Amino acid sequence: MSALADIPALFSLPRLGRARGAVNAALGIGLLLALWWVGGWIVANNDDLFAFADFAPAPTLARLWDMIVTGEVLDMSGPSLMRVGLGLNYAVIIGVPVGIIIGRMKRVNEVANVPFQFLRMISPLAWMPIAVMAFDTWDGAIIFLITMAAVWPILFSTAGGVRRIDPAWLKVARNLGANPFHMLFVVILPAIAVDVLSGIRLALGVAWVVLVPAEYLGVTSGLGYAINDARDTLDYARLGATVVVIGLIGFTLDYLCMMAIKKFNWLREDH
C-alpha cells in the first residue's frame, strides 16, 4: 500500500522540478499512443472492420516515415501552408483595422455588432458555393474560405483589447501632443499586441480545421487533397499518416503562436 501511496508524489512539483511539464507531456503522448494501439487492435480483430487495420500505429507510422524520406510530406504540406498563410494574412489585414475601429468608436460598434455576430455564426464552408462562383481559381476560393473562418477571432480579439486600454494612457498621449499616427503606433498597437496575437492563434486553429474540407474542392495538391485521394484509393496507412502530419503541423503552428504571445506579453506572471 505504501508503494501505491507514493505514486502521486512521483509527479509532484518538488520531486520533478522543471522536468514536471516534460514528464506529464510524455505521459499524455504515451496514453494517446496506447489508446491508438488498442483501437487498432480492436479494428484488426473485428470481422466487419479488419479492412481498416492499416489505421493502427505500426502501419501508419511506417508509411509516415516513407513519406518523410521520399519528400511526399513536404510536397503535400507546402500548398496547404501557402493557402493558410495567405488566408490569415488577409484576415489580419481586415480584422485588425476593423477591430480597432469598432473598439474605439461606440456608435460604429453598436451598428456593426449584430451583422458581425450574424456573419460569424455562419459556417465558413457554407460560403463554398459562393466562393466557387466568385473566384476564377480553386486556390482563390480556398483562401477566401480560410479568410472567412479566420477574420472573426482576430477582429473581436482586437476590439476587446482596444476596449481594455487604460483611458489614462490615451489622455497622457494627447496631453503630450500625440497626433493620430502616434496614438495608433505608439499607444494602441503596443497595448493590444498580445490581444491581436491571441486572436491570430485562435484564427489559426479555426483556419487549420477548415483547410482540409476546403481542399476537397477541385485542387490536386495539399493535405485535404491527400486525405481525399488516400480514401478513394483505399490506402488507409497513407490516410492515417496524413492525419498525423496535419496534427503535427497544426501543433507546431499553435506552439509558435504561443511563443510569440509570451514574447510580447510584458505582464508575465510568475508560476
C-alpha atoms as a PDB file:
ATOM      1  CA  MET A   1       0.000   0.000   0.000  1.00  0.00           C
ATOM      2  CA  SER A   2       2.814   2.393   0.765  1.00  0.00           C
ATOM      3  CA  ALA A   3       4.228   1.956  -2.738  1.00  0.00           C
ATOM      4  CA  LEU A   4       0.856   2.865  -4.236  1.00  0.00           C
ATOM      5  CA  ALA A   5       0.579   5.871  -1.953  1.00  0.00           C
ATOM      6  CA  ASP A   6       3.920   7.162  -3.240  1.00  0.00           C
ATOM      7  CA  ILE A   7       2.795   7.205  -6.915  1.00  0.00           C
ATOM      8  CA  PRO A   8       1.222  10.724  -6.796  1.00  0.00           C
ATOM      9  CA  ALA A   9       4.394  12.029  -5.167  1.00  0.00           C
ATOM     10  CA  LEU A  10       6.421  10.983  -8.217  1.00  0.00           C
ATOM     11  CA  PHE A  11       4.605  13.656 -10.252  1.00  0.00           C
ATOM     12  CA  SER A  12       4.720  16.375  -7.606  1.00  0.00           C
ATOM     13  CA  LEU A  13       6.473  19.675  -8.246  1.00  0.00           C
ATOM     14  CA  PRO A  14       9.217  19.300  -5.587  1.00  0.00           C
ATOM     15  CA  ARG A  15      10.310  15.891  -6.886  1.00  0.00           C
ATOM     16  CA  LEU A  16      10.298  16.622 -10.611  1.00  0.00           C
ATOM     17  CA  GLY A  17      11.051  20.345 -10.642  1.00  0.00           C
ATOM     18  CA  ARG A  18      11.388  21.777 -14.133  1.00  0.00           C
ATOM     19  CA  ALA A  19      11.022  18.335 -15.689  1.00  0.00           C
ATOM     20  CA  ARG A  20       7.426  18.065 -14.488  1.00  0.00           C
ATOM     21  CA  GLY A  21       5.968  19.565 -17.679  1.00  0.00           C
ATOM     22  CA  ALA A  22       8.023  17.314 -19.955  1.00  0.00           C
ATOM     23  CA  VAL A  23       7.160  14.219 -17.928  1.00  0.00           C
ATOM     24  CA  ASN A  24       3.455  14.993 -17.970  1.00  0.00           C
ATOM     25  CA  ALA A  25       3.576  15.735 -21.723  1.00  0.00           C
ATOM     26  CA  ALA A  26       5.332  12.399 -22.329  1.00  0.00           C
ATOM     27  CA  LEU A  27       2.688  10.690 -20.201  1.00  0.00           C
ATOM     28  CA  GLY A  28      -0.091  12.244 -22.272  1.00  0.00           C
ATOM     29  CA  ILE A  29       1.555  11.186 -25.542  1.00  0.00           C
ATOM     30  CA  GLY A  30       2.037   7.680 -24.173  1.00  0.00           C
ATOM     31  CA  LEU A  31      -1.620   7.423 -23.203  1.00  0.00           C
ATOM     32  CA  LEU A  32      -2.682   8.651 -26.644  1.00  0.00           C
ATOM     33  CA  LEU A  33      -0.475   6.071 -28.379  1.00  0.00           C
ATOM     34  CA  ALA A  34      -1.796   3.343 -26.082  1.00  0.00           C
ATOM     35  CA  LEU A  35      -5.403   4.236 -26.926  1.00  0.00           C
ATOM     36  CA  TRP A  36      -4.492   4.317 -30.617  1.00  0.00           C
ATOM     37  CA  TRP A  37      -2.884   0.869 -30.345  1.00  0.00           C
ATOM     38  CA  VAL A  38      -5.912  -0.554 -28.523  1.00  0.00           C
ATOM     39  CA  GLY A  39      -8.241   0.908 -31.139  1.00  0.00           C
ATOM     40  CA  GLY A  40      -6.112  -0.556 -33.937  1.00  0.00           C
ATOM     41  CA  TRP A  41      -6.116  -3.972 -32.253  1.00  0.00           C
ATOM     42  CA  ILE A  42      -9.911  -3.897 -31.916  1.00  0.00           C
ATOM     43  CA  VAL A  43     -10.339  -2.924 -35.569  1.00  0.00           C
ATOM     44  CA  ALA A  44      -7.895  -5.593 -36.777  1.00  0.00           C
ATOM     45  CA  ASN A  45      -9.734  -8.294 -34.831  1.00  0.00           C
ATOM     46  CA  ASN A  46     -13.217  -7.261 -35.912  1.00  0.00           C
ATOM     47  CA  ASP A  47     -14.544  -9.139 -38.942  1.00  0.00           C
ATOM     48  CA  ASP A  48     -16.506  -6.086 -40.085  1.00  0.00           C
ATOM     49  CA  LEU A  49     -13.644  -3.603 -39.703  1.00  0.00           C
ATOM     50  CA  PHE A  50     -10.431  -5.546 -40.394  1.00  0.00           C
ATOM     51  CA  ALA A  51     -10.081  -3.827 -43.798  1.00  0.00           C
ATOM     52  CA  PHE A  52      -9.231  -0.648 -41.875  1.00  0.00           C
ATOM     53  CA  ALA A  53      -6.423  -2.295 -39.890  1.00  0.00           C
ATOM     54  CA  ASP A  54      -3.814  -0.059 -41.541  1.00  0.00           C
ATOM     55  CA  PHE A  55      -5.072   2.773 -39.340  1.00  0.00           C
ATOM     56  CA  ALA A  56      -3.121   1.108 -36.495  1.00  0.00           C
ATOM     57  CA  PRO A  57       0.096   2.766 -35.239  1.00  0.00           C
ATOM     58  CA  ALA A  58       2.596   0.341 -36.820  1.00  0.00           C
ATOM     59  CA  PRO A  59       1.486   0.591 -40.489  1.00  0.00           C
ATOM     60  CA  THR A  60       0.629   4.293 -40.166  1.00  0.00           C
ATOM     61  CA  LEU A  61       3.982   5.288 -38.677  1.00  0.00           C
ATOM     62  CA  ALA A  62       5.872   3.077 -41.136  1.00  0.00           C
ATOM     63  CA  ARG A  63       4.109   4.787 -44.027  1.00  0.00           C
ATOM     64  CA  LEU A  64       4.721   8.192 -42.437  1.00  0.00           C
ATOM     65  CA  TRP A  65       8.451   7.509 -42.380  1.00  0.00           C
ATOM     66  CA  ASP A  66       8.397   6.546 -46.067  1.00  0.00           C
ATOM     67  CA  MET A  67       6.521   9.775 -46.872  1.00  0.00           C
ATOM     68  CA  ILE A  68       9.109  11.817 -44.983  1.00  0.00           C
ATOM     69  CA  VAL A  69      12.055  10.122 -46.691  1.00  0.00           C
ATOM     70  CA  THR A  70      10.594  10.498 -50.178  1.00  0.00           C
ATOM     71  CA  GLY A  71       9.643  14.164 -49.599  1.00  0.00           C
ATOM     72  CA  GLU A  72       5.930  13.496 -50.004  1.00  0.00           C
ATOM     73  CA  VAL A  73       5.199  15.247 -46.705  1.00  0.00           C
ATOM     74  CA  LEU A  74       6.805  18.457 -47.942  1.00  0.00           C
ATOM     75  CA  ASP A  75       5.027  18.225 -51.291  1.00  0.00           C
ATOM     76  CA  MET A  76       1.592  17.903 -49.702  1.00  0.00           C
ATOM     77  CA  SER A  77       2.203  20.398 -46.886  1.00  0.00           C
ATOM     78  CA  GLY A  78       3.606  23.287 -48.947  1.00  0.00           C
ATOM     79  CA  PRO A  79       0.409  24.215 -50.835  1.00  0.00           C
ATOM     80  CA  SER A  80      -1.683  23.941 -47.670  1.00  0.00           C
ATOM     81  CA  LEU A  81       0.667  26.189 -45.687  1.00  0.00           C
ATOM     82  CA  MET A  82       0.622  28.708 -48.530  1.00  0.00           C
ATOM     83  CA  ARG A  83      -3.179  28.806 -48.568  1.00  0.00           C
ATOM     84  CA  VAL A  84      -3.455  29.120 -44.799  1.00  0.00           C
ATOM     85  CA  GLY A  85      -0.747  31.794 -44.741  1.00  0.00           C
ATOM     86  CA  LEU A  86      -2.486  33.909 -47.369  1.00  0.00           C
ATOM     87  CA  GLY A  87      -5.884  33.449 -45.733  1.00  0.00           C
ATOM     88  CA  LEU A  88      -4.521  34.512 -42.346  1.00  0.00           C
ATOM     89  CA  ASN A  89      -2.722  37.444 -43.950  1.00  0.00           C
ATOM     90  CA  TYR A  90      -5.973  38.755 -45.451  1.00  0.00           C
ATOM     91  CA  ALA A  91      -7.786  38.101 -42.163  1.00  0.00           C
ATOM     92  CA  VAL A  92      -5.224  40.207 -40.278  1.00  0.00           C
ATOM     93  CA  ILE A  93      -5.380  42.998 -42.877  1.00  0.00           C
ATOM     94  CA  ILE A  94      -9.160  43.138 -42.472  1.00  0.00           C
ATOM     95  CA  GLY A  95      -9.619  42.139 -38.849  1.00  0.00           C
ATOM     96  CA  VAL A  96      -7.104  44.361 -37.059  1.00  0.00           C
ATOM     97  CA  PRO A  97      -8.157  47.743 -38.545  1.00  0.00           C
ATOM     98  CA  VAL A  98     -11.870  46.946 -38.267  1.00  0.00           C
ATOM     99  CA  GLY A  99     -11.354  45.680 -34.720  1.00  0.00           C
ATOM    100  CA  ILE A 100      -9.595  48.902 -33.744  1.00  0.00           C
ATOM    101  CA  ILE A 101     -12.419  50.975 -35.267  1.00  0.00           C
ATOM    102  CA  ILE A 102     -15.249  49.148 -33.502  1.00  0.00           C
ATOM    103  CA  GLY A 103     -13.225  49.069 -30.286  1.00  0.00           C
ATOM    104  CA  ARG A 104     -12.634  52.831 -30.358  1.00  0.00           C
ATOM    105  CA  MET A 105     -15.984  54.040 -31.736  1.00  0.00           C
ATOM    106  CA  LYS A 106     -19.009  53.055 -29.680  1.00  0.00           C
ATOM    107  CA  ARG A 107     -21.531  54.083 -32.328  1.00  0.00           C
ATOM    108  CA  VAL A 108     -19.808  52.002 -35.019  1.00  0.00           C
ATOM    109  CA  ASN A 109     -19.739  49.033 -32.646  1.00  0.00           C
ATOM    110  CA  GLU A 110     -23.460  49.364 -31.960  1.00  0.00           C
ATOM    111  CA  VAL A 111     -24.232  49.435 -35.685  1.00  0.00           C
ATOM    112  CA  ALA A 112     -21.844  46.632 -36.687  1.00  0.00           C
ATOM    113  CA  ASN A 113     -22.212  44.240 -33.744  1.00  0.00           C
ATOM    114  CA  VAL A 114     -25.370  42.418 -34.860  1.00  0.00           C
ATOM    115  CA  PRO A 115     -24.303  41.999 -38.527  1.00  0.00           C
ATOM    116  CA  PHE A 116     -20.842  40.835 -37.493  1.00  0.00           C
ATOM    117  CA  GLN A 117     -22.207  38.347 -34.956  1.00  0.00           C
ATOM    118  CA  PHE A 118     -24.655  37.052 -37.572  1.00  0.00           C
ATOM    119  CA  LEU A 119     -21.892  36.546 -40.145  1.00  0.00           C
ATOM    120  CA  ARG A 120     -19.578  34.998 -37.552  1.00  0.00           C
ATOM    121  CA  MET A 121     -22.072  32.238 -36.809  1.00  0.00           C
ATOM    122  CA  ILE A 122     -22.275  31.133 -40.455  1.00  0.00           C
ATOM    123  CA  SER A 123     -20.033  28.149 -41.105  1.00  0.00           C
ATOM    124  CA  PRO A 124     -17.154  29.149 -43.408  1.00  0.00           C
ATOM    125  CA  LEU A 125     -17.875  26.059 -45.509  1.00  0.00           C
ATOM    126  CA  ALA A 126     -21.381  27.400 -46.165  1.00  0.00           C
ATOM    127  CA  TRP A 127     -19.719  30.049 -48.344  1.00  0.00           C
ATOM    128  CA  MET A 128     -18.253  27.333 -50.599  1.00  0.00           C
ATOM    129  CA  PRO A 129     -20.788  27.648 -53.480  1.00  0.00           C
ATOM    130  CA  ILE A 130     -20.384  31.433 -53.475  1.00  0.00           C
ATOM    131  CA  ALA A 131     -16.580  31.131 -53.379  1.00  0.00           C
ATOM    132  CA  VAL A 132     -16.606  28.757 -56.355  1.00  0.00           C
ATOM    133  CA  MET A 133     -18.725  31.188 -58.387  1.00  0.00           C
ATOM    134  CA  ALA A 134     -16.855  34.328 -57.305  1.00  0.00           C
ATOM    135  CA  PHE A 135     -13.249  33.213 -57.910  1.00  0.00           C
ATOM    136  CA  ASP A 136     -11.574  32.113 -61.114  1.00  0.00           C
ATOM    137  CA  THR A 137      -9.242  29.629 -59.402  1.00  0.00           C
ATOM    138  CA  TRP A 138      -9.724  26.915 -56.804  1.00  0.00           C
ATOM    139  CA  ASP A 139      -6.865  28.397 -54.769  1.00  0.00           C
ATOM    140  CA  GLY A 140      -8.681  31.729 -54.637  1.00  0.00           C
ATOM    141  CA  ALA A 141     -11.863  30.040 -53.404  1.00  0.00           C
ATOM    142  CA  ILE A 142      -9.999  28.117 -50.687  1.00  0.00           C
ATOM    143  CA  ILE A 143      -8.137  31.216 -49.489  1.00  0.00           C
ATOM    144  CA  PHE A 144     -11.455  33.081 -49.324  1.00  0.00           C
ATOM    145  CA  LEU A 145     -12.978  30.334 -47.150  1.00  0.00           C
ATOM    146  CA  ILE A 146      -9.957  30.398 -44.825  1.00  0.00           C
ATOM    147  CA  THR A 147     -10.181  34.186 -44.580  1.00  0.00           C
ATOM    148  CA  MET A 148     -13.874  33.973 -43.686  1.00  0.00           C
ATOM    149  CA  ALA A 149     -13.030  31.479 -40.956  1.00  0.00           C
ATOM    150  CA  ALA A 150     -10.069  33.415 -39.534  1.00  0.00           C
ATOM    151  CA  VAL A 151     -11.206  37.031 -39.631  1.00  0.00           C
ATOM    152  CA  TRP A 152     -13.685  36.911 -36.747  1.00  0.00           C
ATOM    153  CA  PRO A 153     -11.395  35.762 -33.906  1.00  0.00           C
ATOM    154  CA  ILE A 154      -8.861  38.418 -34.936  1.00  0.00           C
ATOM    155  CA  LEU A 155     -11.483  41.164 -35.257  1.00  0.00           C
ATOM    156  CA  PHE A 156     -13.215  40.544 -31.926  1.00  0.00           C
ATOM    157  CA  SER A 157      -9.987  39.915 -30.021  1.00  0.00           C
ATOM    158  CA  THR A 158      -8.567  43.186 -31.353  1.00  0.00           C
ATOM    159  CA  ALA A 159     -11.737  45.098 -30.437  1.00  0.00           C
ATOM    160  CA  GLY A 160     -11.691  43.627 -26.937  1.00  0.00           C
ATOM    161  CA  GLY A 161      -8.057  44.643 -26.490  1.00  0.00           C
ATOM    162  CA  VAL A 162      -8.794  48.223 -27.561  1.00  0.00           C
ATOM    163  CA  ARG A 163     -11.644  48.494 -25.051  1.00  0.00           C
ATOM    164  CA  ARG A 164      -9.319  47.362 -22.246  1.00  0.00           C
ATOM    165  CA  ILE A 165      -6.753  50.107 -22.885  1.00  0.00           C
ATOM    166  CA  ASP A 166      -6.465  52.364 -19.840  1.00  0.00           C
ATOM    167  CA  PRO A 167      -8.056  55.718 -20.844  1.00  0.00           C
ATOM    168  CA  ALA A 168      -5.326  57.459 -18.859  1.00  0.00           C
ATOM    169  CA  TRP A 169      -2.754  56.290 -21.427  1.00  0.00           C
ATOM    170  CA  LEU A 170      -4.679  57.954 -24.235  1.00  0.00           C
ATOM    171  CA  LYS A 171      -5.192  61.125 -22.178  1.00  0.00           C
ATOM    172  CA  VAL A 172      -1.484  61.393 -21.363  1.00  0.00           C
ATOM    173  CA  ALA A 173      -0.606  60.845 -25.037  1.00  0.00           C
ATOM    174  CA  ARG A 174      -2.956  63.652 -26.105  1.00  0.00           C
ATOM    175  CA  ASN A 175      -1.552  65.992 -23.445  1.00  0.00           C
ATOM    176  CA  LEU A 176       1.918  65.286 -24.787  1.00  0.00           C
ATOM    177  CA  GLY A 177       0.790  66.327 -28.259  1.00  0.00           C
ATOM    178  CA  ALA A 178       0.414  62.903 -29.871  1.00  0.00           C
ATOM    179  CA  ASN A 179      -1.221  63.015 -33.303  1.00  0.00           C
ATOM    180  CA  PRO A 180      -3.438  60.152 -34.566  1.00  0.00           C
ATOM    181  CA  PHE A 181      -0.400  58.433 -36.133  1.00  0.00           C
ATOM    182  CA  HIS A 182       1.470  58.429 -32.815  1.00  0.00           C
ATOM    183  CA  MET A 183      -1.675  57.395 -30.937  1.00  0.00           C
ATOM    184  CA  LEU A 184      -2.075  54.354 -33.162  1.00  0.00           C
ATOM    185  CA  PHE A 185       1.517  53.147 -33.428  1.00  0.00           C
ATOM    186  CA  VAL A 186       2.922  54.239 -30.056  1.00  0.00           C
ATOM    187  CA  VAL A 187      -0.037  53.639 -27.734  1.00  0.00           C
ATOM    188  CA  ILE A 188      -2.800  51.488 -29.229  1.00  0.00           C
ATOM    189  CA  LEU A 189      -0.908  48.831 -31.203  1.00  0.00           C
ATOM    190  CA  PRO A 190       1.669  48.075 -28.465  1.00  0.00           C
ATOM    191  CA  ALA A 191      -1.158  47.897 -25.912  1.00  0.00           C
ATOM    192  CA  ILE A 192      -3.168  45.382 -27.935  1.00  0.00           C
ATOM    193  CA  ALA A 193      -0.284  43.337 -29.359  1.00  0.00           C
ATOM    194  CA  VAL A 194      -0.994  40.355 -27.101  1.00  0.00           C
ATOM    195  CA  ASP A 195      -4.724  40.511 -27.863  1.00  0.00           C
ATOM    196  CA  VAL A 196      -4.047  40.559 -31.599  1.00  0.00           C
ATOM    197  CA  LEU A 197      -1.649  37.625 -31.336  1.00  0.00           C
ATOM    198  CA  SER A 198      -4.158  35.704 -29.210  1.00  0.00           C
ATOM    199  CA  GLY A 199      -6.771  36.335 -31.893  1.00  0.00           C
ATOM    200  CA  ILE A 200      -4.357  35.125 -34.568  1.00  0.00           C
ATOM    201  CA  ARG A 201      -3.710  31.974 -32.547  1.00  0.00           C
ATOM    202  CA  LEU A 202      -7.446  31.260 -32.324  1.00  0.00           C
ATOM    203  CA  ALA A 203      -7.885  32.110 -36.000  1.00  0.00           C
ATOM    204  CA  LEU A 204      -5.078  29.746 -36.970  1.00  0.00           C
ATOM    205  CA  GLY A 205      -6.791  26.882 -35.163  1.00  0.00           C
ATOM    206  CA  VAL A 206     -10.076  27.549 -36.956  1.00  0.00           C
ATOM    207  CA  ALA A 207      -8.354  28.012 -40.336  1.00  0.00           C
ATOM    208  CA  TRP A 208      -6.389  24.782 -39.969  1.00  0.00           C
ATOM    209  CA  VAL A 209      -9.604  22.853 -39.252  1.00  0.00           C
ATOM    210  CA  VAL A 210     -11.396  24.420 -42.238  1.00  0.00           C
ATOM    211  CA  LEU A 211      -8.447  23.782 -44.562  1.00  0.00           C
ATOM    212  CA  VAL A 212      -8.940  20.035 -45.096  1.00  0.00           C
ATOM    213  CA  PRO A 213     -12.604  20.116 -46.200  1.00  0.00           C
ATOM    214  CA  ALA A 214     -11.910  23.274 -48.214  1.00  0.00           C
ATOM    215  CA  GLU A 215      -9.208  21.395 -50.131  1.00  0.00           C
ATOM    216  CA  TYR A 216     -11.799  18.817 -51.166  1.00  0.00           C
ATOM    217  CA  LEU A 217     -12.569  21.346 -53.913  1.00  0.00           C
ATOM    218  CA  GLY A 218     -11.004  20.923 -57.345  1.00  0.00           C
ATOM    219  CA  VAL A 219      -7.342  21.289 -56.279  1.00  0.00           C
ATOM    220  CA  THR A 220      -4.852  18.497 -56.881  1.00  0.00           C
ATOM    221  CA  SER A 221      -2.449  19.383 -54.072  1.00  0.00           C
ATOM    222  CA  GLY A 222      -2.456  19.925 -50.341  1.00  0.00           C
ATOM    223  CA  LEU A 223      -3.272  17.930 -47.225  1.00  0.00           C
ATOM    224  CA  GLY A 224      -7.007  17.858 -47.860  1.00  0.00           C
ATOM    225  CA  TYR A 225      -6.473  16.519 -51.352  1.00  0.00           C
ATOM    226  CA  ALA A 226      -4.100  13.875 -49.940  1.00  0.00           C
ATOM    227  CA  ILE A 227      -6.771  12.758 -47.446  1.00  0.00           C
ATOM    228  CA  ASN A 228      -9.389  12.529 -50.189  1.00  0.00           C
ATOM    229  CA  ASP A 229      -7.032  10.689 -52.553  1.00  0.00           C
ATOM    230  CA  ALA A 230      -5.986   8.164 -49.905  1.00  0.00           C
ATOM    231  CA  ARG A 231      -9.633   7.491 -49.086  1.00  0.00           C
ATOM    232  CA  ASP A 232     -10.556   6.972 -52.747  1.00  0.00           C
ATOM    233  CA  THR A 233      -7.645   4.573 -53.304  1.00  0.00           C
ATOM    234  CA  LEU A 234      -8.309   2.729 -50.001  1.00  0.00           C
ATOM    235  CA  ASP A 235      -4.734   3.468 -48.878  1.00  0.00           C
ATOM    236  CA  TYR A 236      -5.573   3.696 -45.188  1.00  0.00           C
ATOM    237  CA  ALA A 237      -1.971   3.695 -43.984  1.00  0.00           C
ATOM    238  CA  ARG A 238      -1.328   6.814 -46.086  1.00  0.00           C
ATOM    239  CA  LEU A 239      -4.582   8.339 -44.852  1.00  0.00           C
ATOM    240  CA  GLY A 240      -3.578   7.752 -41.236  1.00  0.00           C
ATOM    241  CA  ALA A 241      -0.083   9.132 -41.875  1.00  0.00           C
ATOM    242  CA  THR A 242      -1.557  12.271 -43.455  1.00  0.00           C
ATOM    243  CA  VAL A 243      -3.791  12.765 -40.414  1.00  0.00           C
ATOM    244  CA  VAL A 244      -0.679  12.585 -38.209  1.00  0.00           C
ATOM    245  CA  VAL A 245       1.070  15.156 -40.434  1.00  0.00           C
ATOM    246  CA  ILE A 246      -1.920  17.509 -40.141  1.00  0.00           C
ATOM    247  CA  GLY A 247      -1.849  17.190 -36.365  1.00  0.00           C
ATOM    248  CA  LEU A 248       1.909  17.726 -36.092  1.00  0.00           C
ATOM    249  CA  ILE A 249       1.918  20.811 -38.329  1.00  0.00           C
ATOM    250  CA  GLY A 250      -1.102  22.285 -36.548  1.00  0.00           C
ATOM    251  CA  PHE A 251       0.501  21.683 -33.147  1.00  0.00           C
ATOM    252  CA  THR A 252       3.753  23.304 -34.291  1.00  0.00           C
ATOM    253  CA  LEU A 253       1.997  26.390 -35.667  1.00  0.00           C
ATOM    254  CA  ASP A 254      -0.015  26.777 -32.461  1.00  0.00           C
ATOM    255  CA  TYR A 255       3.166  26.413 -30.376  1.00  0.00           C
ATOM    256  CA  LEU A 256       4.896  29.145 -32.402  1.00  0.00           C
ATOM    257  CA  CYS A 257       1.918  31.463 -31.824  1.00  0.00           C
ATOM    258  CA  MET A 258       2.047  30.709 -28.110  1.00  0.00           C
ATOM    259  CA  MET A 259       5.751  31.552 -28.004  1.00  0.00           C
ATOM    260  CA  ALA A 260       5.076  34.848 -29.809  1.00  0.00           C
ATOM    261  CA  ILE A 261       2.387  35.727 -27.263  1.00  0.00           C
ATOM    262  CA  LYS A 262       4.777  35.052 -24.398  1.00  0.00           C
ATOM    263  CA  LYS A 263       7.468  37.151 -26.056  1.00  0.00           C
ATOM    264  CA  PHE A 264       5.209  40.177 -26.439  1.00  0.00           C
ATOM    265  CA  ASN A 265       3.455  39.835 -23.108  1.00  0.00           C
ATOM    266  CA  TRP A 266       5.189  42.215 -20.724  1.00  0.00           C
ATOM    267  CA  LEU A 267       2.748  41.291 -17.955  1.00  0.00           C
ATOM    268  CA  ARG A 268       4.253  37.874 -17.311  1.00  0.00           C
ATOM    269  CA  GLU A 269       3.174  36.130 -14.169  1.00  0.00           C
ATOM    270  CA  ASP A 270       5.415  34.014 -12.014  1.00  0.00           C
ATOM    271  CA  HIS A 271       4.295  30.428 -11.794  1.00  0.00           C
END
